[in-house]
Amino acid sequence: MDRTLTAERSWSNSKFVCALADSDRHLGHVIKDEKWHAYDATHLNEASQGFKYLGAFVAAAAGRRAVESSVEGVVPKKESWARAGGFAN
C-alpha cells in the first residue's frame, strides 16, 4: 500500500481500493471492480442511504480526481475551520 499526500489530506492506495482521509475523518474512496467507482464520503446520496456516488472511471487517477473535486470545499481539520472563522470544539 502506498500513501500519496494531497495538502493536509492523504490517499492510501492498494490494488483495489484508494481512500482519501485527513487527520479527522474518511473523505472518500475509489473501489475497483471492472471499473473504478468513486464515492464522496462527506455527502449523502440522493436517497440519503449511503455515500454520494461520483461515477465509474477507467483509471484510478480519474476516480481520485473526482473525489478530490467533490470534497474540495470540505474543511480538512477543525483547526483549519477555526482559522477560517468557524467554531472549534
PDB file of N, CA and C in Angstrom:
ATOM      1  N   MET A   1       0.855  -1.170   0.000  1.00  0.00           N
ATOM      2  CA  MET A   1       0.000   0.000   0.000  1.00  0.00           C
ATOM      3  C   MET A   1       0.899   1.229   0.000  1.00  0.00           C
ATOM      4  N   ASP A   2       0.583   2.198  -0.858  1.00  0.00           N
ATOM      5  CA  ASP A   2       1.351   3.435  -0.834  1.00  0.00           C
ATOM      6  C   ASP A   2       0.452   4.583  -0.398  1.00  0.00           C
ATOM      7  N   ARG A   3       1.081   5.664   0.066  1.00  0.00           N
ATOM      8  CA  ARG A   3       0.342   6.833   0.535  1.00  0.00           C
ATOM      9  C   ARG A   3       0.793   8.030  -0.297  1.00  0.00           C
ATOM     10  N   THR A   4      -0.172   8.736  -0.868  1.00  0.00           N
ATOM     11  CA  THR A   4       0.106   9.913  -1.663  1.00  0.00           C
ATOM     12  C   THR A   4      -0.470  11.113  -0.934  1.00  0.00           C
ATOM     13  N   LEU A   5       0.371  12.115  -0.680  1.00  0.00           N
ATOM     14  CA  LEU A   5      -0.054  13.279   0.079  1.00  0.00           C
ATOM     15  C   LEU A   5      -0.720  14.320  -0.803  1.00  0.00           C
ATOM     16  N   THR A   6      -1.852  14.880  -0.336  1.00  0.00           N
ATOM     17  CA  THR A   6      -2.559  15.955  -1.022  1.00  0.00           C
ATOM     18  C   THR A   6      -2.863  17.019   0.022  1.00  0.00           C
ATOM     19  N   ALA A   7      -2.000  18.043   0.147  1.00  0.00           N
ATOM     20  CA  ALA A   7      -2.139  19.094   1.157  1.00  0.00           C
ATOM     21  C   ALA A   7      -2.209  18.443   2.537  1.00  0.00           C
ATOM     22  N   GLU A   8      -3.266  18.705   3.317  1.00  0.00           N
ATOM     23  CA  GLU A   8      -3.418  18.113   4.642  1.00  0.00           C
ATOM     24  C   GLU A   8      -4.145  16.777   4.571  1.00  0.00           C
ATOM     25  N   ARG A   9      -4.477  16.365   3.398  1.00  0.00           N
ATOM     26  CA  ARG A   9      -5.186  15.101   3.170  1.00  0.00           C
ATOM     27  C   ARG A   9      -4.224  14.114   2.536  1.00  0.00           C
ATOM     28  N   SER A  10      -4.507  12.836   2.705  1.00  0.00           N
ATOM     29  CA  SER A  10      -3.639  11.845   2.068  1.00  0.00           C
ATOM     30  C   SER A  10      -4.460  10.689   1.525  1.00  0.00           C
ATOM     31  N   TRP A  11      -3.944  10.107   0.452  1.00  0.00           N
ATOM     32  CA  TRP A  11      -4.532   8.924  -0.163  1.00  0.00           C
ATOM     33  C   TRP A  11      -3.793   7.690   0.323  1.00  0.00           C
ATOM     34  N   SER A  12      -4.526   6.658   0.677  1.00  0.00           N
ATOM     35  CA  SER A  12      -3.967   5.326   0.912  1.00  0.00           C
ATOM     36  C   SER A  12      -4.422   4.484  -0.269  1.00  0.00           C
ATOM     37  N   ASN A  13      -3.471   3.929  -0.995  1.00  0.00           N
ATOM     38  CA  ASN A  13      -3.779   3.230  -2.242  1.00  0.00           C
ATOM     39  C   ASN A  13      -3.354   1.771  -2.180  1.00  0.00           C
ATOM     40  N   SER A  14      -4.248   0.889  -2.600  1.00  0.00           N
ATOM     41  CA  SER A  14      -3.913  -0.526  -2.745  1.00  0.00           C
ATOM     42  C   SER A  14      -4.352  -0.967  -4.141  1.00  0.00           C
ATOM     43  N   LYS A  15      -4.291  -2.250  -4.418  1.00  0.00           N
ATOM     44  CA  LYS A  15      -4.627  -2.762  -5.746  1.00  0.00           C
ATOM     45  C   LYS A  15      -6.095  -2.533  -6.120  1.00  0.00           C
ATOM     46  N   PHE A  16      -7.011  -2.562  -5.125  1.00  0.00           N
ATOM     47  CA  PHE A  16      -8.438  -2.458  -5.412  1.00  0.00           C
ATOM     48  C   PHE A  16      -9.166  -1.317  -4.712  1.00  0.00           C
ATOM     49  N   VAL A  17      -8.511  -0.624  -3.786  1.00  0.00           N
ATOM     50  CA  VAL A  17      -9.165   0.447  -3.033  1.00  0.00           C
ATOM     51  C   VAL A  17      -8.197   1.608  -2.842  1.00  0.00           C
ATOM     52  N   CYS A  18      -8.709   2.830  -3.043  1.00  0.00           N
ATOM     53  CA  CYS A  18      -7.990   4.056  -2.722  1.00  0.00           C
ATOM     54  C   CYS A  18      -8.883   4.841  -1.766  1.00  0.00           C
ATOM     55  N   ALA A  19      -8.330   5.304  -0.656  1.00  0.00           N
ATOM     56  CA  ALA A  19      -9.130   6.019   0.338  1.00  0.00           C
ATOM     57  C   ALA A  19      -8.477   7.355   0.672  1.00  0.00           C
ATOM     58  N   LEU A  20      -9.271   8.417   0.649  1.00  0.00           N
ATOM     59  CA  LEU A  20      -8.805   9.762   0.972  1.00  0.00           C
ATOM     60  C   LEU A  20      -9.252  10.105   2.388  1.00  0.00           C
ATOM     61  N   ALA A  21      -8.329  10.609   3.214  1.00  0.00           N
ATOM     62  CA  ALA A  21      -8.659  10.978   4.588  1.00  0.00           C
ATOM     63  C   ALA A  21      -7.815  12.166   5.021  1.00  0.00           C
ATOM     64  N   ASP A  22      -8.309  12.869   6.035  1.00  0.00           N
ATOM     65  CA  ASP A  22      -7.488  13.858   6.711  1.00  0.00           C
ATOM     66  C   ASP A  22      -7.268  13.339   8.130  1.00  0.00           C
ATOM     67  N   SER A  23      -6.778  14.155   9.017  1.00  0.00           N
ATOM     68  CA  SER A  23      -6.486  13.663  10.363  1.00  0.00           C
ATOM     69  C   SER A  23      -7.739  13.380  11.180  1.00  0.00           C
ATOM     70  N   ASP A  24      -8.901  13.868  10.735  1.00  0.00           N
ATOM     71  CA  ASP A  24     -10.137  13.700  11.487  1.00  0.00           C
ATOM     72  C   ASP A  24     -11.070  12.627  10.946  1.00  0.00           C
ATOM     73  N   ARG A  25     -11.063  12.410   9.620  1.00  0.00           N
ATOM     74  CA  ARG A  25     -12.114  11.546   9.067  1.00  0.00           C
ATOM     75  C   ARG A  25     -11.781  11.028   7.673  1.00  0.00           C
ATOM     76  N   HIS A  26     -12.575  10.045   7.276  1.00  0.00           N
ATOM     77  CA  HIS A  26     -12.559   9.487   5.927  1.00  0.00           C
ATOM     78  C   HIS A  26     -13.339  10.444   5.023  1.00  0.00           C
ATOM     79  N   LEU A  27     -12.766  10.838   3.884  1.00  0.00           N
ATOM     80  CA  LEU A  27     -13.408  11.808   2.993  1.00  0.00           C
ATOM     81  C   LEU A  27     -14.021  11.172   1.752  1.00  0.00           C
ATOM     82  N   GLY A  28     -13.442  10.110   1.269  1.00  0.00           N
ATOM     83  CA  GLY A  28     -13.962   9.462   0.071  1.00  0.00           C
ATOM     84  C   GLY A  28     -13.107   8.271  -0.309  1.00  0.00           C
ATOM     85  N   HIS A  29     -13.596   7.520  -1.282  1.00  0.00           N
ATOM     86  CA  HIS A  29     -12.853   6.349  -1.715  1.00  0.00           C
ATOM     87  C   HIS A  29     -13.188   5.997  -3.159  1.00  0.00           C
ATOM     88  N   VAL A  30     -12.297   5.187  -3.728  1.00  0.00           N
ATOM     89  CA  VAL A  30     -12.453   4.681  -5.090  1.00  0.00           C
ATOM     90  C   VAL A  30     -12.233   3.172  -4.999  1.00  0.00           C
ATOM     91  N   ILE A  31     -13.185   2.403  -5.540  1.00  0.00           N
ATOM     92  CA  ILE A  31     -13.146   0.946  -5.423  1.00  0.00           C
ATOM     93  C   ILE A  31     -13.135   0.317  -6.813  1.00  0.00           C
ATOM     94  N   LYS A  32     -12.298  -0.674  -7.001  1.00  0.00           N
ATOM     95  CA  LYS A  32     -12.127  -1.335  -8.302  1.00  0.00           C
ATOM     96  C   LYS A  32     -12.953  -2.602  -8.405  1.00  0.00           C
ATOM     97  N   ASP A  33     -13.771  -2.687  -9.461  1.00  0.00           N
ATOM     98  CA  ASP A  33     -14.297  -3.974  -9.915  1.00  0.00           C
ATOM     99  C   ASP A  33     -13.927  -3.996 -11.395  1.00  0.00           C
ATOM    100  N   GLU A  34     -14.844  -3.948 -12.327  1.00  0.00           N
ATOM    101  CA  GLU A  34     -14.455  -3.826 -13.735  1.00  0.00           C
ATOM    102  C   GLU A  34     -13.933  -2.422 -14.030  1.00  0.00           C
ATOM    103  N   LYS A  35     -14.464  -1.429 -13.329  1.00  0.00           N
ATOM    104  CA  LYS A  35     -14.002  -0.042 -13.422  1.00  0.00           C
ATOM    105  C   LYS A  35     -13.745   0.453 -12.007  1.00  0.00           C
ATOM    106  N   TRP A  36     -13.252   1.677 -11.894  1.00  0.00           N
ATOM    107  CA  TRP A  36     -13.032   2.315 -10.601  1.00  0.00           C
ATOM    108  C   TRP A  36     -14.261   3.155 -10.262  1.00  0.00           C
ATOM    109  N   HIS A  37     -14.926   2.839  -9.160  1.00  0.00           N
ATOM    110  CA  HIS A  37     -16.131   3.542  -8.724  1.00  0.00           C
ATOM    111  C   HIS A  37     -15.768   4.505  -7.605  1.00  0.00           C
ATOM    112  N   ALA A  38     -16.111   5.786  -7.787  1.00  0.00           N
ATOM    113  CA  ALA A  38     -15.722   6.837  -6.851  1.00  0.00           C
ATOM    114  C   ALA A  38     -16.904   7.262  -5.978  1.00  0.00           C
ATOM    115  N   TYR A  39     -16.620   7.489  -4.687  1.00  0.00           N
ATOM    116  CA  TYR A  39     -17.636   7.890  -3.715  1.00  0.00           C
ATOM    117  C   TYR A  39     -17.124   9.051  -2.867  1.00  0.00           C
ATOM    118  N   ASP A  40     -17.994  10.011  -2.620  1.00  0.00           N
ATOM    119  CA  ASP A  40     -17.723  11.126  -1.717  1.00  0.00           C
ATOM    120  C   ASP A  40     -18.328  10.757  -0.366  1.00  0.00           C
ATOM    121  N   ALA A  41     -17.497  10.545   0.642  1.00  0.00           N
ATOM    122  CA  ALA A  41     -17.982  10.130   1.960  1.00  0.00           C
ATOM    123  C   ALA A  41     -18.441  11.311   2.814  1.00  0.00           C
ATOM    124  N   THR A  42     -18.343  12.529   2.284  1.00  0.00           N
ATOM    125  CA  THR A  42     -18.769  13.707   3.045  1.00  0.00           C
ATOM    126  C   THR A  42     -20.188  14.140   2.704  1.00  0.00           C
ATOM    127  N   HIS A  43     -20.779  13.520   1.682  1.00  0.00           N
ATOM    128  CA  HIS A  43     -22.142  13.853   1.268  1.00  0.00           C
ATOM    129  C   HIS A  43     -22.955  12.570   1.084  1.00  0.00           C
ATOM    130  N   LEU A  44     -24.239  12.642   1.400  1.00  0.00           N
ATOM    131  CA  LEU A  44     -25.132  11.502   1.203  1.00  0.00           C
ATOM    132  C   LEU A  44     -25.565  11.398  -0.255  1.00  0.00           C
ATOM    133  N   ASN A  45     -25.947  10.193  -0.661  1.00  0.00           N
ATOM    134  CA  ASN A  45     -26.512  10.027  -1.991  1.00  0.00           C
ATOM    135  C   ASN A  45     -27.925  10.618  -2.007  1.00  0.00           C
ATOM    136  N   GLU A  46     -28.568  10.627  -3.161  1.00  0.00           N
ATOM    137  CA  GLU A  46     -29.893  11.248  -3.290  1.00  0.00           C
ATOM    138  C   GLU A  46     -30.942  10.598  -2.401  1.00  0.00           C
ATOM    139  N   ALA A  47     -30.813   9.317  -2.113  1.00  0.00           N
ATOM    140  CA  ALA A  47     -31.771   8.609  -1.262  1.00  0.00           C
ATOM    141  C   ALA A  47     -31.414   8.737   0.230  1.00  0.00           C
ATOM    142  N   SER A  48     -30.322   9.426   0.519  1.00  0.00           N
ATOM    143  CA  SER A  48     -29.824   9.581   1.897  1.00  0.00           C
ATOM    144  C   SER A  48     -29.569   8.242   2.579  1.00  0.00           C
ATOM    145  N   GLN A  49     -29.086   7.277   1.791  1.00  0.00           N
ATOM    146  CA  GLN A  49     -28.847   5.932   2.312  1.00  0.00           C
ATOM    147  C   GLN A  49     -27.389   5.492   2.214  1.00  0.00           C
ATOM    148  N   GLY A  50     -26.511   6.366   1.793  1.00  0.00           N
ATOM    149  CA  GLY A  50     -25.115   5.983   1.652  1.00  0.00           C
ATOM    150  C   GLY A  50     -24.303   7.127   1.112  1.00  0.00           C
ATOM    151  N   PHE A  51     -23.069   6.837   0.750  1.00  0.00           N
ATOM    152  CA  PHE A  51     -22.175   7.853   0.223  1.00  0.00           C
ATOM    153  C   PHE A  51     -22.621   8.320  -1.171  1.00  0.00           C
ATOM    154  N   LYS A  52     -22.312   9.549  -1.495  1.00  0.00           N
ATOM    155  CA  LYS A  52     -22.622  10.108  -2.812  1.00  0.00           C
ATOM    156  C   LYS A  52     -21.755   9.414  -3.861  1.00  0.00           C
ATOM    157  N   TYR A  53     -22.409   8.828  -4.861  1.00  0.00           N
ATOM    158  CA  TYR A  53     -21.701   8.140  -5.946  1.00  0.00           C
ATOM    159  C   TYR A  53     -21.287   9.168  -6.987  1.00  0.00           C
ATOM    160  N   LEU A  54     -20.011   9.147  -7.361  1.00  0.00           N
ATOM    161  CA  LEU A  54     -19.475  10.132  -8.308  1.00  0.00           C
ATOM    162  C   LEU A  54     -19.302   9.591  -9.714  1.00  0.00           C
ATOM    163  N   GLY A  55     -19.384   8.280  -9.880  1.00  0.00           N
ATOM    164  CA  GLY A  55     -19.280   7.705 -11.210  1.00  0.00           C
ATOM    165  C   GLY A  55     -18.255   6.597 -11.313  1.00  0.00           C
ATOM    166  N   ALA A  56     -18.204   6.000 -12.507  1.00  0.00           N
ATOM    167  CA  ALA A  56     -17.264   4.918 -12.813  1.00  0.00           C
ATOM    168  C   ALA A  56     -16.193   5.458 -13.748  1.00  0.00           C
ATOM    169  N   PHE A  57     -14.956   5.053 -13.510  1.00  0.00           N
ATOM    170  CA  PHE A  57     -13.814   5.568 -14.255  1.00  0.00           C
ATOM    171  C   PHE A  57     -12.921   4.424 -14.705  1.00  0.00           C
ATOM    172  N   VAL A  58     -12.279   4.596 -15.858  1.00  0.00           N
ATOM    173  CA  VAL A  58     -11.368   3.581 -16.379  1.00  0.00           C
ATOM    174  C   VAL A  58     -10.092   3.537 -15.550  1.00  0.00           C
ATOM    175  N   ALA A  59      -9.610   4.707 -15.113  1.00  0.00           N
ATOM    176  CA  ALA A  59      -8.356   4.790 -14.362  1.00  0.00           C
ATOM    177  C   ALA A  59      -8.608   5.237 -12.922  1.00  0.00           C
ATOM    178  N   ALA A  60      -7.824   4.683 -11.999  1.00  0.00           N
ATOM    179  CA  ALA A  60      -7.931   5.064 -10.588  1.00  0.00           C
ATOM    180  C   ALA A  60      -7.656   6.548 -10.408  1.00  0.00           C
ATOM    181  N   ALA A  61      -6.696   7.080 -11.147  1.00  0.00           N
ATOM    182  CA  ALA A  61      -6.343   8.500 -11.005  1.00  0.00           C
ATOM    183  C   ALA A  61      -7.533   9.405 -11.321  1.00  0.00           C
ATOM    184  N   ALA A  62      -8.327   9.050 -12.307  1.00  0.00           N
ATOM    185  CA  ALA A  62      -9.512   9.839 -12.658  1.00  0.00           C
ATOM    186  C   ALA A  62     -10.547   9.776 -11.536  1.00  0.00           C
ATOM    187  N   GLY A  63     -10.715   8.611 -10.936  1.00  0.00           N
ATOM    188  CA  GLY A  63     -11.627   8.468  -9.800  1.00  0.00           C
ATOM    189  C   GLY A  63     -11.160   9.277  -8.607  1.00  0.00           C
ATOM    190  N   ARG A  64      -9.844   9.256  -8.347  1.00  0.00           N
ATOM    191  CA  ARG A  64      -9.301  10.050  -7.240  1.00  0.00           C
ATOM    192  C   ARG A  64      -9.513  11.540  -7.478  1.00  0.00           C
ATOM    193  N   ARG A  65      -9.327  11.984  -8.717  1.00  0.00           N
ATOM    194  CA  ARG A  65      -9.573  13.405  -9.038  1.00  0.00           C
ATOM    195  C   ARG A  65     -11.033  13.772  -8.808  1.00  0.00           C
ATOM    196  N   ALA A  66     -11.953  12.880  -9.135  1.00  0.00           N
ATOM    197  CA  ALA A  66     -13.379  13.143  -8.923  1.00  0.00           C
ATOM    198  C   ALA A  66     -13.682  13.301  -7.431  1.00  0.00           C
ATOM    199  N   VAL A  67     -13.093  12.440  -6.614  1.00  0.00           N
ATOM    200  CA  VAL A  67     -13.291  12.546  -5.161  1.00  0.00           C
ATOM    201  C   VAL A  67     -12.710  13.864  -4.656  1.00  0.00           C
ATOM    202  N   GLU A  68     -11.498  14.180  -5.063  1.00  0.00           N
ATOM    203  CA  GLU A  68     -10.868  15.423  -4.616  1.00  0.00           C
ATOM    204  C   GLU A  68     -11.692  16.638  -5.008  1.00  0.00           C
ATOM    205  N   SER A  69     -12.220  16.641  -6.217  1.00  0.00           N
ATOM    206  CA  SER A  69     -13.052  17.769  -6.673  1.00  0.00           C
ATOM    207  C   SER A  69     -14.335  17.862  -5.851  1.00  0.00           C
ATOM    208  N   SER A  70     -14.933  16.728  -5.544  1.00  0.00           N
ATOM    209  CA  SER A  70     -16.197  16.716  -4.814  1.00  0.00           C
ATOM    210  C   SER A  70     -16.040  17.179  -3.371  1.00  0.00           C
ATOM    211  N   VAL A  71     -14.920  16.849  -2.748  1.00  0.00           N
ATOM    212  CA  VAL A  71     -14.714  17.224  -1.341  1.00  0.00           C
ATOM    213  C   VAL A  71     -13.868  18.487  -1.198  1.00  0.00           C
ATOM    214  N   GLU A  72     -13.588  19.161  -2.297  1.00  0.00           N
ATOM    215  CA  GLU A  72     -12.708  20.334  -2.281  1.00  0.00           C
ATOM    216  C   GLU A  72     -13.128  21.390  -1.257  1.00  0.00           C
ATOM    217  N   GLY A  73     -14.413  21.648  -1.112  1.00  0.00           N
ATOM    218  CA  GLY A  73     -14.879  22.669  -0.182  1.00  0.00           C
ATOM    219  C   GLY A  73     -14.994  22.200   1.248  1.00  0.00           C
ATOM    220  N   VAL A  74     -14.728  20.925   1.505  1.00  0.00           N
ATOM    221  CA  VAL A  74     -14.835  20.374   2.852  1.00  0.00           C
ATOM    222  C   VAL A  74     -13.590  20.765   3.637  1.00  0.00           C
ATOM    223  N   VAL A  75     -13.783  21.390   4.786  1.00  0.00           N
ATOM    224  CA  VAL A  75     -12.650  21.828   5.602  1.00  0.00           C
ATOM    225  C   VAL A  75     -11.961  20.598   6.168  1.00  0.00           C
ATOM    226  N   PRO A  76     -10.640  20.459   5.954  1.00  0.00           N
ATOM    227  CA  PRO A  76      -9.956  19.232   6.323  1.00  0.00           C
ATOM    228  C   PRO A  76      -9.751  19.006   7.816  1.00  0.00           C
ATOM    229  N   LYS A  77      -9.674  20.059   8.628  1.00  0.00           N
ATOM    230  CA  LYS A  77      -9.421  19.887  10.056  1.00  0.00           C
ATOM    231  C   LYS A  77     -10.192  20.919  10.840  1.00  0.00           C
ATOM    232  N   LYS A  78     -10.527  20.589  12.086  1.00  0.00           N
ATOM    233  CA  LYS A  78     -11.213  21.544  12.952  1.00  0.00           C
ATOM    234  C   LYS A  78     -10.390  22.809  13.118  1.00  0.00           C
ATOM    235  N   GLU A  79      -9.075  22.679  13.249  1.00  0.00           N
ATOM    236  CA  GLU A  79      -8.219  23.842  13.431  1.00  0.00           C
ATOM    237  C   GLU A  79      -8.295  24.758  12.216  1.00  0.00           C
ATOM    238  N   SER A  80      -8.344  24.179  11.017  1.00  0.00           N
ATOM    239  CA  SER A  80      -8.439  24.987   9.791  1.00  0.00           C
ATOM    240  C   SER A  80      -9.769  25.715   9.755  1.00  0.00           C
ATOM    241  N   TRP A  81     -10.829  25.050  10.174  1.00  0.00           N
ATOM    242  CA  TRP A  81     -12.149  25.659  10.192  1.00  0.00           C
ATOM    243  C   TRP A  81     -12.166  26.823  11.178  1.00  0.00           C
ATOM    244  N   ALA A  82     -11.525  26.652  12.333  1.00  0.00           N
ATOM    245  CA  ALA A  82     -11.468  27.722  13.333  1.00  0.00           C
ATOM    246  C   ALA A  82     -10.698  28.915  12.782  1.00  0.00           C
ATOM    247  N   ARG A  83      -9.611  28.674  12.062  1.00  0.00           N
ATOM    248  CA  ARG A  83      -8.851  29.789  11.465  1.00  0.00           C
ATOM    249  C   ARG A  83      -9.667  30.510  10.413  1.00  0.00           C
ATOM    250  N   ALA A  84     -10.606  29.790   9.787  1.00  0.00           N
ATOM    251  CA  ALA A  84     -11.435  30.395   8.739  1.00  0.00           C
ATOM    252  C   ALA A  84     -12.629  31.120   9.330  1.00  0.00           C
ATOM    253  N   GLY A  85     -12.733  31.195  10.648  1.00  0.00           N
ATOM    254  CA  GLY A  85     -13.830  31.935  11.276  1.00  0.00           C
ATOM    255  C   GLY A  85     -14.924  31.067  11.844  1.00  0.00           C
ATOM    256  N   GLY A  86     -14.755  29.740  11.786  1.00  0.00           N
ATOM    257  CA  GLY A  86     -15.775  28.842  12.332  1.00  0.00           C
ATOM    258  C   GLY A  86     -15.576  28.620  13.815  1.00  0.00           C
ATOM    259  N   PHE A  87     -16.383  27.785  14.393  1.00  0.00           N
ATOM    260  CA  PHE A  87     -16.287  27.461  15.803  1.00  0.00           C
ATOM    261  C   PHE A  87     -15.660  26.099  15.987  1.00  0.00           C
ATOM    262  N   ALA A  88     -14.660  26.000  16.823  1.00  0.00           N
ATOM    263  CA  ALA A  88     -13.998  24.715  17.092  1.00  0.00           C
ATOM    264  C   ALA A  88     -14.430  24.209  18.453  1.00  0.00           C
ATOM    265  N   ASN A  89     -14.602  22.906  18.559  1.00  0.00           N
ATOM    266  CA  ASN A  89     -14.948  22.287  19.846  1.00  0.00           C
ATOM    267  C   ASN A  89     -13.698  21.765  20.509  1.00  0.00           C
TER     268      ASN A  89
END
